N, C-alpha and C. Protein backbone atom coordinates (compact mmCIF):
# COMPACT_ATOMS: atom_id res chain seq x y z
N MET A 1 2.57 64.20 -66.10
CA MET A 1 1.51 64.40 -65.12
C MET A 1 0.19 63.93 -65.74
N PRO A 2 -0.58 63.11 -65.04
CA PRO A 2 -1.84 62.59 -65.60
C PRO A 2 -2.90 63.69 -65.68
N LYS A 3 -3.84 63.48 -66.60
CA LYS A 3 -4.96 64.42 -66.74
C LYS A 3 -5.88 64.30 -65.53
N PRO A 4 -6.52 65.39 -65.12
CA PRO A 4 -7.47 65.30 -64.01
C PRO A 4 -8.70 64.51 -64.44
N VAL A 5 -9.31 63.83 -63.49
CA VAL A 5 -10.51 63.04 -63.75
C VAL A 5 -11.69 64.00 -63.88
N VAL A 6 -12.45 63.81 -64.95
CA VAL A 6 -13.64 64.65 -65.19
C VAL A 6 -14.82 64.01 -64.46
N PRO A 7 -15.53 64.78 -63.62
CA PRO A 7 -16.68 64.23 -62.91
C PRO A 7 -17.73 63.72 -63.90
N GLU A 8 -18.47 62.70 -63.50
CA GLU A 8 -19.44 62.07 -64.40
C GLU A 8 -20.49 63.05 -64.90
N ASP A 9 -20.91 64.00 -64.08
CA ASP A 9 -21.94 64.94 -64.53
C ASP A 9 -21.44 65.87 -65.63
N ARG A 10 -20.13 65.98 -65.78
CA ARG A 10 -19.57 66.81 -66.86
C ARG A 10 -19.13 65.99 -68.06
N ARG A 11 -19.14 64.66 -67.93
CA ARG A 11 -18.79 63.80 -69.06
C ARG A 11 -19.96 63.71 -70.01
N ARG A 12 -19.66 63.59 -71.28
CA ARG A 12 -20.73 63.36 -72.24
C ARG A 12 -20.14 62.68 -73.47
N ARG A 13 -20.93 61.84 -74.03
CA ARG A 13 -20.56 61.15 -75.25
C ARG A 13 -20.81 62.12 -76.39
N ARG A 14 -19.96 62.10 -77.36
CA ARG A 14 -20.11 63.04 -78.47
C ARG A 14 -21.38 62.82 -79.27
N ARG A 15 -21.82 61.57 -79.34
CA ARG A 15 -23.06 61.28 -80.06
C ARG A 15 -23.80 60.18 -79.33
N PRO A 16 -25.11 60.21 -79.40
CA PRO A 16 -25.90 59.16 -78.73
C PRO A 16 -25.82 57.85 -79.49
N THR A 17 -26.22 56.78 -78.86
CA THR A 17 -26.27 55.47 -79.51
C THR A 17 -27.38 55.48 -80.55
N ARG A 18 -27.48 54.39 -81.30
CA ARG A 18 -28.52 54.30 -82.34
C ARG A 18 -29.91 54.51 -81.78
N SER A 19 -30.12 54.04 -80.56
CA SER A 19 -31.45 54.19 -79.95
C SER A 19 -31.63 55.55 -79.28
N GLY A 20 -30.61 56.39 -79.32
CA GLY A 20 -30.71 57.72 -78.73
C GLY A 20 -30.29 57.79 -77.28
N THR A 21 -29.81 56.69 -76.73
CA THR A 21 -29.39 56.64 -75.33
C THR A 21 -28.00 57.27 -75.18
N VAL A 22 -27.85 58.09 -74.18
CA VAL A 22 -26.53 58.63 -73.86
C VAL A 22 -25.95 57.74 -72.78
N LEU A 23 -24.78 57.20 -73.04
CA LEU A 23 -24.17 56.25 -72.11
C LEU A 23 -23.64 56.95 -70.88
N SER A 24 -23.74 56.26 -69.77
CA SER A 24 -23.15 56.73 -68.51
C SER A 24 -22.43 55.55 -67.88
N GLU A 25 -21.57 55.85 -66.96
CA GLU A 25 -20.83 54.79 -66.26
C GLU A 25 -21.81 53.84 -65.57
N GLY A 26 -22.83 54.39 -64.94
CA GLY A 26 -23.81 53.57 -64.25
C GLY A 26 -24.56 52.63 -65.18
N LEU A 27 -24.97 53.12 -66.34
CA LEU A 27 -25.68 52.30 -67.31
C LEU A 27 -24.80 51.15 -67.81
N ILE A 28 -23.54 51.44 -68.07
CA ILE A 28 -22.62 50.41 -68.54
C ILE A 28 -22.42 49.34 -67.49
N VAL A 29 -22.21 49.76 -66.24
CA VAL A 29 -21.99 48.80 -65.15
C VAL A 29 -23.25 47.97 -64.90
N GLU A 30 -24.41 48.60 -64.87
CA GLU A 30 -25.67 47.87 -64.66
C GLU A 30 -25.89 46.83 -65.75
N THR A 31 -25.62 47.21 -66.99
CA THR A 31 -25.80 46.28 -68.11
C THR A 31 -24.81 45.13 -68.02
N ALA A 32 -23.56 45.42 -67.67
CA ALA A 32 -22.56 44.36 -67.54
C ALA A 32 -22.93 43.39 -66.41
N LEU A 33 -23.40 43.91 -65.29
CA LEU A 33 -23.80 43.05 -64.18
C LEU A 33 -25.00 42.18 -64.55
N ARG A 34 -25.96 42.76 -65.27
CA ARG A 34 -27.11 41.98 -65.72
C ARG A 34 -26.66 40.86 -66.65
N MET A 35 -25.73 41.15 -67.54
CA MET A 35 -25.23 40.12 -68.45
C MET A 35 -24.50 39.03 -67.69
N LEU A 36 -23.75 39.39 -66.65
CA LEU A 36 -23.07 38.38 -65.83
C LEU A 36 -24.07 37.48 -65.13
N ARG A 37 -25.14 38.06 -64.59
CA ARG A 37 -26.18 37.25 -63.94
C ARG A 37 -26.85 36.31 -64.93
N GLU A 38 -27.15 36.80 -66.11
CA GLU A 38 -27.91 36.02 -67.08
C GLU A 38 -27.07 34.99 -67.84
N HIS A 39 -25.80 35.32 -68.12
CA HIS A 39 -24.99 34.48 -69.01
C HIS A 39 -23.69 33.97 -68.39
N GLY A 40 -23.36 34.44 -67.20
CA GLY A 40 -22.11 34.02 -66.57
C GLY A 40 -20.92 34.77 -67.14
N SER A 41 -19.74 34.47 -66.59
CA SER A 41 -18.54 35.23 -66.97
C SER A 41 -18.14 35.00 -68.43
N THR A 42 -18.45 33.84 -68.98
CA THR A 42 -18.08 33.60 -70.37
C THR A 42 -19.01 34.33 -71.33
N GLY A 43 -20.16 34.77 -70.85
CA GLY A 43 -21.11 35.46 -71.71
C GLY A 43 -20.90 36.96 -71.78
N LEU A 44 -19.98 37.49 -71.00
CA LEU A 44 -19.73 38.93 -71.00
C LEU A 44 -18.48 39.21 -71.81
N THR A 45 -18.66 39.80 -72.97
CA THR A 45 -17.55 40.24 -73.81
C THR A 45 -17.80 41.69 -74.18
N ALA A 46 -16.78 42.37 -74.63
CA ALA A 46 -16.93 43.76 -75.04
C ALA A 46 -17.91 43.88 -76.20
N ARG A 47 -17.86 42.94 -77.12
CA ARG A 47 -18.77 42.97 -78.27
C ARG A 47 -20.22 42.80 -77.82
N ARG A 48 -20.48 41.83 -76.94
CA ARG A 48 -21.85 41.60 -76.47
C ARG A 48 -22.35 42.76 -75.61
N LEU A 49 -21.46 43.34 -74.82
CA LEU A 49 -21.84 44.50 -74.03
C LEU A 49 -22.22 45.65 -74.95
N GLY A 50 -21.45 45.85 -76.00
CA GLY A 50 -21.77 46.89 -76.97
C GLY A 50 -23.12 46.65 -77.63
N LEU A 51 -23.40 45.40 -77.97
CA LEU A 51 -24.70 45.08 -78.57
C LEU A 51 -25.83 45.34 -77.59
N ALA A 52 -25.64 44.98 -76.33
CA ALA A 52 -26.67 45.20 -75.32
C ALA A 52 -26.92 46.69 -75.08
N LEU A 53 -25.88 47.48 -75.22
CA LEU A 53 -26.00 48.93 -75.02
C LEU A 53 -26.41 49.65 -76.30
N ASP A 54 -26.51 48.92 -77.40
CA ASP A 54 -26.87 49.47 -78.70
C ASP A 54 -25.85 50.50 -79.17
N VAL A 55 -24.58 50.18 -78.94
CA VAL A 55 -23.49 51.05 -79.38
C VAL A 55 -23.21 50.75 -80.84
N ASP A 56 -22.93 51.76 -81.60
CA ASP A 56 -22.65 51.59 -83.02
C ASP A 56 -21.46 50.66 -83.21
N GLY A 57 -21.62 49.66 -84.04
CA GLY A 57 -20.55 48.71 -84.30
C GLY A 57 -19.35 49.34 -84.96
N GLY A 58 -19.55 50.39 -85.72
CA GLY A 58 -18.45 51.06 -86.39
C GLY A 58 -17.48 51.72 -85.44
N ASP A 59 -17.92 52.00 -84.23
CA ASP A 59 -17.03 52.63 -83.26
C ASP A 59 -15.87 51.73 -82.88
N ALA A 60 -16.10 50.43 -82.88
CA ALA A 60 -15.06 49.49 -82.45
C ALA A 60 -14.25 48.95 -83.63
N THR A 61 -14.71 49.17 -84.84
CA THR A 61 -14.05 48.59 -86.01
C THR A 61 -12.59 48.99 -86.15
N PRO A 62 -12.23 50.28 -86.03
CA PRO A 62 -10.81 50.62 -86.20
C PRO A 62 -9.92 49.91 -85.19
N CYS A 63 -10.38 49.76 -83.94
CA CYS A 63 -9.58 49.07 -82.93
C CYS A 63 -9.42 47.60 -83.30
N ALA A 64 -10.51 46.98 -83.76
CA ALA A 64 -10.45 45.58 -84.13
C ALA A 64 -9.51 45.36 -85.30
N ARG A 65 -9.55 46.26 -86.27
CA ARG A 65 -8.64 46.14 -87.41
C ARG A 65 -7.19 46.29 -86.96
N SER A 66 -6.92 47.27 -86.11
CA SER A 66 -5.56 47.48 -85.63
C SER A 66 -5.07 46.27 -84.86
N ARG A 67 -5.95 45.72 -84.03
CA ARG A 67 -5.56 44.57 -83.21
C ARG A 67 -5.30 43.35 -84.09
N SER A 68 -6.16 43.12 -85.09
CA SER A 68 -5.96 41.96 -85.94
C SER A 68 -4.69 42.10 -86.75
N VAL A 69 -4.36 43.30 -87.17
CA VAL A 69 -3.11 43.51 -87.89
C VAL A 69 -1.92 43.29 -86.97
N ALA A 70 -2.04 43.75 -85.73
CA ALA A 70 -0.95 43.58 -84.76
C ALA A 70 -0.72 42.12 -84.42
N LEU A 71 -1.80 41.33 -84.39
CA LEU A 71 -1.68 39.93 -84.04
C LEU A 71 -1.22 39.06 -85.21
N ALA A 72 -1.33 39.58 -86.43
CA ALA A 72 -0.96 38.81 -87.63
C ALA A 72 0.53 38.62 -87.76
């Protein structure tokens, strides 16, 4: 049985970004849409979106390492 969906007002990130911003679904979508307008579909990547949102790079490192090992 799947977990129930948590409403956005009850969701929270465990820690803020480097700039102190708490991410929300709306902020992520707005930033992604802005990047699409400015750079086109080839300019929108997870890494660039993270940089635009000022998300800590270390958060994605374990996934990247796992993926690179899996692809090797």
